[in-house]
Amino acid sequence: MPILGAFMVPHPPIILPEVGKGEEKKIDSTTRAYMEVAKEIAKIAPDTIIISSPHSIMYSDYFHISPGRGAKGNMGRFSAGSVKFDVSYDTELVQEICHIADTYSGGAGKDDFDIQEFPAGTLGERDSTLDHGTMIPLYFINREYQDYKLIRIGLSGLSLPLHYEMGQIIQKAVDNTGRRVVYVASGDLAHKMKEDGPYGFSKEAPEYDERVMRVCGSGNFEELLDFDETFCEKAAECGHRSFVMMAGALDGLSVRAKELSHEATFGVGYGICTFEVGEKDESRHFLSSWRKKKEENLGKQRENEDSYVRLARFSLENFITTGKRITRADLDPDKWKDMDRKMFETKAGAFVSIHKDGALRGCIGTILPTCRCVADEIMQNAISAGANDPRFPMIRESELPYLEMTVDVLDEPEPIDGPDKLDVKKYGVIVTSGRKRGLLLPNLDGVDSIEQQIDIACQKAGITEDEDYSLERFEVVRHY
């Protein structure tokens, strides 16, 4: 039995009268929409409510599902300790989700991603207490309906497509158990909607809200996968991954979407949409179609890659598929006649950066040359970026068609006497304190100020605020 209904809701504590003390009246449209959601859920009368919450336990590389038989919580953190919750978890459905994740071999309608074990389960419980991203939806639901069990799932730092696949796993588990299920995607929208709001204003915030409400209000979930990570970060959104997971849980099902409300009275976007679920619809396998388009676009992009990036990709692909490192002797002169001869005639440091699905997948480089020429530097660092970056697992062969790569060739660094000699678009920075050394490339998405650039470089080096450090700058030639 598929999921019977889904709801996109916010979680502002101020919406509760016990917290807002009258301020909640300023977002009355959101309150009325929430009450409508609660009544619709009561009408469905689900056995189980699944809530994905940005404020549940979150890991960078793992989806945490709350374990145990149940949990309690209250709004004491928001000076309303009398608002209490005590829920029972659907342990059988949790067990089935974990079983599917443990034996995972590719998402519904897509088997190109050879993951033997999906990164989801009940491990790593740090705090069993219910979070406000879960309690606020339950506050309204409980007024109309209480005969349910709960499943609470946290988000992760993994890519948007993997959140969609997490939703697909949930759908399969629901089908296997025959549960009557409602999915609630808890999440606020952009947090930077007003200059006088708690988080200030960014131009990306209203753009994000308008776009996500249009997408969710129409039910065209494929567009949720097209939101750039940097754009989302600048908008300071909260719930996007929650919405994507919900979309995955509705994969291949017809949906009648309806926008109920959108407000940003306090400088944070609150949006509510409902999704009435119908029969199977083969046109709504959004992740499959998105990946197909992505693969086609990347194929066209590769046709225009310059010889620096082609060499990096060729080196990495050969290593991943054969386990062998190529040398210049492996380059067929007829196929590589367009190579820039400077690659063999000059020495320089070089960084190879790899992205997949809009997220970093590996980046390794050398500040100064370690090889006889730039070509050797690129071949060496391409393999290191794909196989030896300690932040990521080694790239699998099935991932190769989905990788975007760039190569930065570095000029020799020069010492500078202060941050005023930097420009985030033009210069990269190197910070050094004793044996600690950190580098950040120039012109990176999401890095908009010199202070931010230096802070990130210091973090990478492990240099603390109370440590002195020296600065160097360098320019790069970026190859696509």
Protein backbone atom coordinates (compact mmCIF):
# COMPACT_ATOMS: atom_id res chain seq x y z
CA MET A 1 0.00 0.00 0.00
CA PRO A 2 1.60 3.34 -1.05
CA ILE A 3 1.86 6.42 1.09
CA LEU A 4 -1.64 7.93 1.29
CA GLY A 5 -0.80 11.61 1.65
CA ALA A 6 2.06 14.02 2.19
CA PHE A 7 2.43 17.48 3.65
CA MET A 8 5.11 20.18 3.53
CA VAL A 9 4.99 22.22 6.76
CA PRO A 10 7.17 24.70 8.70
CA HIS A 11 8.12 24.53 12.37
CA PRO A 12 8.24 28.03 13.90
CA PRO A 13 7.97 27.77 17.69
CA ILE A 14 6.29 31.18 17.75
CA ILE A 15 3.22 29.69 16.05
CA LEU A 16 2.25 28.02 19.32
CA PRO A 17 0.19 30.34 21.55
CA GLU A 18 2.10 29.08 24.58
CA VAL A 19 5.30 30.39 22.95
CA GLY A 20 4.07 33.29 20.84
CA LYS A 21 2.05 34.99 23.62
CA GLY A 22 0.00 36.79 20.97
CA GLU A 23 2.75 37.12 18.32
CA GLU A 24 1.40 33.97 16.65
CA LYS A 25 -1.55 36.03 15.42
CA LYS A 26 0.81 37.71 12.95
CA ILE A 27 1.10 34.42 11.05
CA ASP A 28 -2.56 33.49 11.19
CA SER A 29 -2.57 32.23 7.59
CA THR A 30 0.06 29.65 8.51
CA THR A 31 -1.94 28.61 11.58
CA ARG A 32 -5.15 28.18 9.59
CA ALA A 33 -3.31 26.16 6.93
CA TYR A 34 -1.76 23.97 9.63
CA MET A 35 -5.21 23.26 11.04
CA GLU A 36 -6.39 22.24 7.59
CA VAL A 37 -3.42 19.86 7.32
CA ALA A 38 -4.31 18.29 10.67
CA LYS A 39 -7.91 17.74 9.56
CA GLU A 40 -6.79 16.12 6.31
CA ILE A 41 -4.50 13.76 8.22
CA ALA A 42 -7.37 12.85 10.57
CA LYS A 43 -9.53 12.10 7.54
CA ILE A 44 -6.87 9.73 6.17
CA ALA A 45 -6.52 8.09 9.62
CA PRO A 46 -3.01 6.69 9.04
CA ASP A 47 -1.45 3.88 11.06
CA THR A 48 1.88 5.70 10.98
CA ILE A 49 3.10 9.25 10.48
CA ILE A 50 6.63 9.68 9.11
CA ILE A 51 8.27 13.02 9.87
CA SER A 52 11.59 14.11 8.35
CA SER A 53 13.04 16.92 10.45
CA PRO A 54 16.10 19.16 9.99
CA HIS A 55 16.37 19.35 13.79
CA SER A 56 16.49 15.64 14.50
CA ILE A 57 19.92 14.05 14.80
CA MET A 58 21.90 14.90 11.68
CA TYR A 59 25.15 13.47 10.32
CA SER A 60 27.13 14.55 7.28
CA ASP A 61 27.13 11.10 5.71
CA TYR A 62 24.27 9.15 7.34
CA PHE A 63 20.47 9.28 7.68
CA HIS A 64 19.55 8.75 11.31
CA ILE A 65 16.25 7.04 12.10
CA SER A 66 15.19 7.38 15.72
CA PRO A 67 15.41 3.98 17.47
CA GLY A 68 13.51 2.46 20.36
CA ARG A 69 9.84 2.10 21.21
CA GLY A 70 9.09 5.80 21.58
CA ALA A 71 10.21 9.20 22.79
CA LYS A 72 9.12 12.22 24.78
CA GLY A 73 9.68 15.93 24.40
CA ASN A 74 8.50 19.35 25.46
CA MET A 75 8.82 22.96 24.40
CA GLY A 76 10.75 23.99 27.52
CA ARG A 77 13.58 25.30 25.34
CA PHE A 78 11.08 27.92 24.17
CA SER A 79 9.74 28.74 27.65
CA ALA A 80 6.68 26.53 27.21
CA GLY A 81 7.54 23.40 29.15
CA SER A 82 3.87 22.63 29.70
CA VAL A 83 3.56 21.69 26.01
CA LYS A 84 4.53 18.02 26.15
CA PHE A 85 4.60 15.06 23.78
CA ASP A 86 4.84 11.32 24.28
CA VAL A 87 4.92 9.21 21.10
CA SER A 88 5.25 5.53 20.22
CA TYR A 89 7.46 4.56 17.29
CA ASP A 90 6.49 2.08 14.57
CA THR A 91 9.32 -0.36 15.28
CA GLU A 92 8.30 -2.82 12.57
CA LEU A 93 8.38 -0.19 9.82
CA VAL A 94 11.67 1.19 11.14
CA GLN A 95 13.12 -2.32 11.00
CA GLU A 96 11.96 -2.74 7.40
CA ILE A 97 13.48 0.61 6.33
CA CYS A 98 16.78 -0.42 7.90
CA HIS A 99 16.65 -3.85 6.25
CA ILE A 100 16.14 -2.31 2.80
CA ALA A 101 18.96 0.18 3.43
CA ASP A 102 21.30 -2.63 4.52
CA THR A 103 20.67 -4.60 1.33
CA TYR A 104 20.38 -1.62 -1.00
CA SER A 105 21.43 -1.99 -4.64
CA GLY A 106 20.13 1.14 -6.33
CA GLY A 107 17.07 3.35 -6.19
CA ALA A 108 13.70 2.56 -7.70
CA GLY A 109 13.94 2.74 -11.49
CA LYS A 110 17.70 3.25 -11.33
CA ASP A 111 20.39 0.65 -10.79
CA ASP A 112 23.51 2.49 -11.95
CA PHE A 113 24.63 3.37 -8.43
CA ASP A 114 26.17 0.22 -7.05
CA ILE A 115 25.85 0.95 -3.34
CA GLN A 116 25.88 -2.27 -1.34
CA GLU A 117 24.66 -0.58 1.83
CA PHE A 118 22.73 2.67 1.92
CA PRO A 119 23.94 5.04 4.69
CA ALA A 120 20.83 4.95 6.87
CA GLY A 121 19.82 3.31 10.12
CA THR A 122 19.30 3.70 13.85
CA LEU A 123 22.96 4.02 14.87
CA GLY A 124 24.39 7.08 16.60
CA GLU A 125 21.47 8.16 18.79
CA ARG A 126 22.83 11.14 20.74
CA ASP A 127 19.59 12.46 22.18
CA SER A 128 16.27 10.62 22.14
CA THR A 129 14.27 13.75 23.03
CA LEU A 130 11.84 14.93 20.36
CA ASP A 131 13.01 18.02 18.45
CA HIS A 132 10.85 21.05 17.70
CA GLY A 133 10.86 20.24 13.98
CA THR A 134 8.88 17.14 14.98
CA MET A 135 6.84 18.52 17.87
CA ILE A 136 5.33 21.52 16.12
CA PRO A 137 3.64 19.45 13.38
CA LEU A 138 2.46 17.03 16.09
CA TYR A 139 1.01 19.93 18.10
CA PHE A 140 -1.53 20.56 15.34
CA ILE A 141 -2.01 16.92 14.31
CA ASN A 142 -2.74 15.81 17.88
CA ARG A 143 -5.66 18.23 18.10
CA GLU A 144 -7.45 16.27 15.40
CA TYR A 145 -5.93 12.78 15.47
CA GLN A 146 -3.88 10.73 17.91
CA ASP A 147 -4.31 7.09 16.89
CA TYR A 148 -0.94 6.75 15.14
CA LYS A 149 2.62 5.62 15.61
CA LEU A 150 5.55 7.79 14.57
CA ILE A 151 8.78 7.46 12.62
CA ARG A 152 11.27 10.31 12.94
CA ILE A 153 14.07 10.64 10.38
CA GLY A 154 16.89 13.18 10.33
CA LEU A 155 18.45 14.73 7.26
CA SER A 156 22.11 14.49 6.27
CA GLY A 157 24.88 16.39 4.53
CA LEU A 158 24.65 14.02 1.57
CA SER A 159 23.50 15.12 -1.87
CA LEU A 160 19.93 15.91 -2.87
CA PRO A 161 19.64 12.77 -5.07
CA LEU A 162 20.59 10.60 -2.09
CA HIS A 163 17.82 12.24 -0.04
CA TYR A 164 15.43 11.36 -2.86
CA GLU A 165 16.70 7.78 -2.76
CA MET A 166 16.14 7.72 1.01
CA GLY A 167 12.53 8.59 0.23
CA GLN A 168 12.34 5.75 -2.28
CA ILE A 169 13.57 3.33 0.38
CA ILE A 170 10.84 4.59 2.72
CA GLN A 171 8.20 4.03 0.03
CA LYS A 172 9.38 0.47 -0.55
CA ALA A 173 9.30 -0.28 3.20
CA VAL A 174 5.76 1.10 3.45
CA ASP A 175 4.67 -1.09 0.53
CA ASN A 176 6.30 -4.17 2.10
CA THR A 177 4.59 -3.70 5.46
CA GLY A 178 1.19 -2.64 4.14
CA ARG A 179 1.07 0.31 6.51
CA ARG A 180 -1.34 3.21 5.99
CA VAL A 181 1.17 6.08 6.09
CA VAL A 182 1.22 9.86 5.92
CA TYR A 183 4.50 11.65 5.24
CA VAL A 184 5.16 15.06 6.86
CA ALA A 185 8.16 17.00 5.51
CA SER A 186 9.03 19.48 8.25
CA GLY A 187 11.13 22.45 7.21
CA ASP A 188 11.17 26.23 7.12
CA LEU A 189 12.06 28.04 3.91
CA ALA A 190 14.63 30.84 3.58
CA HIS A 191 15.77 32.52 6.80
CA LYS A 192 17.05 35.77 5.24
CA MET A 193 13.84 37.38 4.04
CA LYS A 194 14.07 40.74 5.84
CA GLU A 195 16.77 43.22 6.76
CA ASP A 196 15.27 43.54 10.24
CA GLY A 197 14.74 39.79 10.62
CA PRO A 198 16.86 37.66 12.96
CA TYR A 199 19.15 36.53 10.11
CA GLY A 200 19.21 39.62 7.91
CA PHE A 201 18.49 39.73 4.19
CA SER A 202 19.96 38.10 1.11
CA LYS A 203 18.62 38.50 -2.41
CA GLU A 204 18.62 34.72 -2.79
CA ALA A 205 16.06 34.29 0.02
CA PRO A 206 12.91 35.61 -1.71
CA GLU A 207 14.07 33.92 -4.92
CA TYR A 208 14.30 30.62 -3.05
CA ASP A 209 10.87 30.97 -1.46
CA GLU A 210 9.16 31.91 -4.71
CA ARG A 211 10.82 29.05 -6.54
CA VAL A 212 10.23 26.30 -3.96
CA MET A 213 6.59 27.29 -3.49
CA ARG A 214 6.06 27.18 -7.25
CA VAL A 215 7.72 23.77 -7.52
CA CYS A 216 5.94 22.21 -4.56
CA GLY A 217 2.66 23.92 -5.34
CA SER A 218 2.72 22.32 -8.80
CA GLY A 219 4.02 18.91 -7.65
CA ASN A 220 6.82 18.99 -10.24
CA PHE A 221 9.37 17.55 -7.82
CA GLU A 222 12.14 17.06 -10.39
CA GLU A 223 12.96 20.75 -10.08
CA LEU A 224 13.77 20.26 -6.39
CA LEU A 225 16.91 18.42 -7.52
CA ASP A 226 18.06 21.41 -9.57
CA PHE A 227 18.53 23.77 -6.62
CA ASP A 228 22.22 24.68 -6.40
CA GLU A 229 23.77 24.00 -2.98
CA THR A 230 25.40 27.44 -2.86
CA PHE A 231 22.13 29.16 -3.73
CA CYS A 232 20.36 27.26 -0.94
CA GLU A 233 23.10 28.16 1.52
CA LYS A 234 22.93 31.86 0.68
CA ALA A 235 19.17 31.80 1.13
CA ALA A 236 19.72 30.05 4.49
CA GLU A 237 16.97 27.55 3.81
CA CYS A 238 16.13 24.89 6.36
CA GLY A 239 13.89 22.24 4.88
CA HIS A 240 14.96 21.61 1.29
CA ARG A 241 16.40 18.15 1.94
CA SER A 242 13.26 17.27 3.88
CA PHE A 243 11.12 18.20 0.88
CA VAL A 244 13.35 16.18 -1.47
CA MET A 245 13.08 13.12 0.78
CA MET A 246 9.31 13.48 0.71
CA ALA A 247 9.42 13.68 -3.09
CA GLY A 248 11.34 10.41 -3.17
CA ALA A 249 8.73 8.78 -0.95
CA LEU A 250 6.13 9.75 -3.60
CA ASP A 251 8.25 8.57 -6.55
CA GLY A 252 6.18 7.09 -9.37
CA LEU A 253 2.86 8.11 -7.83
CA SER A 254 0.33 10.61 -9.14
CA VAL A 255 -0.01 13.64 -6.89
CA ARG A 256 -2.53 16.45 -6.64
CA ALA A 257 -0.57 19.34 -5.13
CA LYS A 258 -2.08 22.37 -3.44
CA GLU A 259 -0.43 25.43 -1.93
CA LEU A 260 -2.22 26.49 1.27
CA SER A 261 -0.10 29.36 2.56
CA HIS A 262 3.19 31.23 2.43
CA GLU A 263 4.30 33.91 4.88
CA ALA A 264 7.56 35.57 5.90
CA THR A 265 6.30 37.95 8.61
CA PHE A 266 9.27 37.41 10.91
CA GLY A 267 11.94 37.26 8.19
CA VAL A 268 11.74 33.46 7.81
CA GLY A 269 9.69 31.79 5.08
CA TYR A 270 6.87 29.49 6.18
CA GLY A 271 5.21 27.47 3.43
CA ILE A 272 2.51 24.82 3.58
CA CYS A 273 1.52 22.53 0.72
CA THR A 274 -0.58 19.37 0.64
CA PHE A 275 -0.15 16.38 -1.67
CA GLU A 276 -3.07 14.07 -2.31
CA VAL A 277 -1.63 10.78 -3.54
CA GLY A 278 -3.25 8.75 -6.31
CA GLU A 279 -2.36 5.75 -8.46
CA LYS A 280 0.99 4.78 -9.95
CA ASP A 281 2.28 7.14 -12.63
CA GLU A 282 5.34 6.09 -14.63
CA SER A 283 5.95 9.68 -15.76
CA ARG A 284 6.78 10.69 -12.17
CA HIS A 285 10.04 8.81 -11.62
CA PHE A 286 11.78 12.14 -11.20
CA LEU A 287 15.22 10.99 -10.06
CA SER A 288 15.56 8.65 -13.04
CA SER A 289 14.60 11.36 -15.52
CA TRP A 290 16.77 13.94 -13.76
CA ARG A 291 19.82 11.66 -13.89
CA LYS A 292 19.22 10.89 -17.55
CA LYS A 293 19.16 14.60 -18.39
CA LYS A 294 22.19 15.16 -16.17
CA GLU A 295 24.12 12.43 -17.95
CA GLU A 296 23.21 13.89 -21.35
CA ASN A 297 24.29 17.38 -20.29
CA LEU A 298 27.54 16.11 -18.83
CA GLY A 299 28.22 14.22 -22.05
CA LYS A 300 27.88 17.45 -24.03
CA GLN A 301 30.01 19.27 -21.47
CA ARG A 302 32.78 16.67 -21.82
CA GLU A 303 32.92 17.26 -25.56
CA ASN A 304 34.09 20.81 -24.80
CA GLU A 305 36.55 20.01 -21.98
CA ASP A 306 40.03 21.33 -22.59
CA SER A 307 43.04 19.02 -22.64
CA TYR A 308 43.89 19.66 -18.96
CA VAL A 309 40.53 18.36 -17.75
CA ARG A 310 40.47 15.57 -20.34
CA LEU A 311 43.82 14.37 -19.01
CA ALA A 312 42.58 14.45 -15.41
CA ARG A 313 39.44 12.51 -16.32
CA PHE A 314 41.37 9.98 -18.45
CA SER A 315 43.82 9.34 -15.63
CA LEU A 316 41.10 8.89 -13.00
CA GLU A 317 38.87 6.70 -15.16
CA ASN A 318 41.75 4.39 -16.06
CA PHE A 319 42.73 4.03 -12.43
CA ILE A 320 39.17 3.35 -11.24
CA THR A 321 38.42 0.82 -13.99
CA THR A 322 41.81 -0.97 -14.22
CA GLY A 323 43.68 -0.07 -11.02
CA LYS A 324 46.62 1.16 -13.13
CA ARG A 325 48.21 4.60 -13.26
CA ILE A 326 48.74 5.95 -16.74
CA THR A 327 51.91 7.73 -17.87
CA ARG A 328 52.63 9.98 -20.81
CA ALA A 329 53.53 6.86 -22.78
CA ASP A 330 49.86 5.79 -22.58
CA LEU A 331 48.65 8.89 -24.42
CA ASP A 332 47.87 8.06 -28.05
CA PRO A 333 49.43 10.89 -30.13
CA ASP A 334 46.51 10.88 -32.57
CA LYS A 335 43.91 11.26 -29.81
CA TRP A 336 45.90 13.83 -27.85
CA LYS A 337 47.32 15.97 -30.66
CA ASP A 338 45.44 19.00 -29.34
CA MET A 339 47.23 18.92 -25.98
CA ASP A 340 48.76 22.16 -24.76
CA ARG A 341 52.51 21.55 -25.00
CA LYS A 342 53.01 23.74 -21.90
CA MET A 343 51.77 20.79 -19.86
CA PHE A 344 54.99 18.94 -20.70
CA GLU A 345 57.33 21.94 -20.67
CA THR A 346 56.50 23.66 -17.37
CA LYS A 347 56.31 22.78 -13.69
CA ALA A 348 53.56 24.02 -11.39
CA GLY A 349 51.32 22.98 -8.56
CA ALA A 350 47.88 21.84 -9.63
CA PHE A 351 44.55 21.04 -7.99
CA VAL A 352 41.96 18.65 -9.38
CA SER A 353 38.40 19.18 -8.12
CA ILE A 354 35.60 16.67 -8.61
CA HIS A 355 31.89 17.36 -8.14
CA LYS A 356 28.90 15.05 -8.37
CA ASP A 357 25.26 16.11 -8.22
CA GLY A 358 26.36 19.64 -7.34
CA ALA A 359 28.35 18.52 -4.27
CA LEU A 360 32.10 18.19 -3.81
CA ARG A 361 33.24 14.60 -4.32
CA GLY A 362 37.01 15.06 -4.02
CA CYS A 363 39.72 17.71 -4.26
CA ILE A 364 43.46 17.14 -3.97
CA GLY A 365 46.36 19.22 -5.20
CA THR A 366 49.87 20.45 -4.74
CA ILE A 367 50.84 23.98 -3.80
CA LEU A 368 54.26 23.65 -5.43
CA PRO A 369 55.31 21.23 -8.20
CA THR A 370 56.26 17.71 -7.14
CA CYS A 371 56.55 16.18 -10.62
CA ARG A 372 58.59 16.79 -13.76
CA CYS A 373 55.79 18.69 -15.49
CA VAL A 374 52.21 19.90 -15.13
CA ALA A 375 50.86 16.90 -17.04
CA ASP A 376 52.35 14.49 -14.51
CA GLU A 377 51.06 16.69 -11.69
CA ILE A 378 47.52 16.50 -13.10
CA MET A 379 47.58 12.73 -13.60
CA GLN A 380 48.84 12.19 -10.06
CA ASN A 381 46.39 14.56 -8.40
CA ALA A 382 43.37 13.38 -10.39
CA ILE A 383 43.84 9.88 -8.96
CA SER A 384 44.42 11.26 -5.47
CA ALA A 385 41.26 13.41 -5.65
CA GLY A 386 39.15 10.42 -6.66
CA ALA A 387 40.73 7.74 -4.51
CA ASN A 388 42.59 9.32 -1.59
CA ASP A 389 40.65 12.37 -0.39
CA PRO A 390 40.11 11.43 3.28
CA ARG A 391 36.75 13.23 3.36
CA PHE A 392 35.12 10.87 0.86
CA PRO A 393 35.04 7.19 -0.05
CA MET A 394 36.88 6.15 -3.20
CA ILE A 395 34.93 6.91 -6.36
CA ARG A 396 33.18 3.86 -7.81
CA GLU A 397 33.13 2.98 -11.49
CA SER A 398 29.35 3.51 -11.60
CA GLU A 399 29.84 7.16 -10.59
CA LEU A 400 32.19 8.08 -13.44
CA PRO A 401 29.50 9.26 -15.92
CA TYR A 402 28.17 11.74 -13.34
CA LEU A 403 31.40 13.53 -12.41
CA GLU A 404 32.24 17.15 -13.19
CA MET A 405 35.93 18.03 -13.03
CA THR A 406 38.06 21.17 -13.05
CA VAL A 407 41.82 21.64 -12.97
CA ASP A 408 43.52 24.66 -11.38
CA VAL A 409 47.14 25.32 -12.31
CA LEU A 410 48.80 27.50 -9.67
CA ASP A 411 51.25 30.33 -10.08
CA GLU A 412 54.04 30.44 -7.52
CA PRO A 413 52.71 31.78 -4.18
CA GLU A 414 53.94 35.16 -2.93
CA PRO A 415 54.02 36.40 0.69
CA ILE A 416 51.71 39.30 1.57
CA ASP A 417 51.61 41.49 4.66
CA GLY A 418 47.85 41.55 5.19
CA PRO A 419 44.35 40.64 4.01
CA ASP A 420 44.03 43.90 2.09
CA LYS A 421 46.26 42.37 -0.59
CA LEU A 422 43.69 39.63 -1.25
CA ASP A 423 40.77 39.40 -3.65
CA VAL A 424 38.54 36.31 -3.32
CA LYS A 425 37.82 36.23 -7.04
CA LYS A 426 41.40 36.71 -8.23
CA TYR A 427 43.68 35.22 -5.56
CA GLY A 428 43.81 32.00 -3.62
CA VAL A 429 45.21 32.16 -0.08
CA ILE A 430 47.66 30.08 1.94
CA VAL A 431 47.77 30.44 5.72
CA THR A 432 50.76 29.10 7.66
CA SER A 433 51.34 28.75 11.40
CA GLY A 434 54.40 26.68 12.24
CA ARG A 435 53.86 23.32 10.54
CA LYS A 436 50.18 24.00 10.00
CA ARG A 437 49.29 25.08 6.48
CA GLY A 438 45.94 25.57 4.79
CA LEU A 439 45.00 26.60 1.26
CA LEU A 440 41.83 27.82 -0.38
CA LEU A 441 41.45 28.30 -4.13
CA PRO A 442 40.07 31.56 -5.54
CA ASN A 443 36.65 32.19 -7.09
CA LEU A 444 34.75 29.46 -5.24
CA ASP A 445 30.96 29.37 -5.00
CA GLY A 446 29.80 30.47 -1.57
CA VAL A 447 33.05 32.23 -0.64
CA ASP A 448 32.21 35.93 -0.95
CA SER A 449 34.56 37.75 1.41
CA ILE A 450 38.25 37.83 2.31
CA GLU A 451 37.42 37.12 5.95
CA GLN A 452 35.47 34.04 4.94
CA GLN A 453 38.29 32.89 2.66
CA ILE A 454 40.90 33.19 5.42
CA ASP A 455 38.62 31.56 8.03
CA ILE A 456 38.04 28.51 5.85
CA ALA A 457 41.76 28.19 5.08
CA CYS A 458 42.54 28.39 8.81
CA GLN A 459 39.94 25.73 9.57
CA LYS A 460 41.47 23.43 6.98
CA ALA A 461 44.89 23.94 8.58
CA GLY A 462 43.62 23.51 12.14
CA ILE A 463 44.76 27.04 13.04
CA THR A 464 42.77 28.46 15.95
CA GLU A 465 41.77 32.08 16.53
CA ASP A 466 44.51 32.68 19.10
CA GLU A 467 47.33 31.50 16.81
CA ASP A 468 49.40 33.86 14.66
CA TYR A 469 49.75 32.99 11.01
CA SER A 470 51.35 34.32 7.84
CA LEU A 471 49.60 34.85 4.51
CA GLU A 472 50.52 34.07 0.93
CA ARG A 473 48.49 34.62 -2.19
CA PHE A 474 48.52 32.98 -5.60
CA GLU A 475 46.69 33.14 -8.89
CA VAL A 476 45.38 30.17 -10.86
CA VAL A 477 44.40 29.32 -14.38
CA ARG A 478 41.18 27.33 -14.09
CA HIS A 479 40.47 24.74 -16.75
CA TYR A 480 37.02 23.33 -17.48
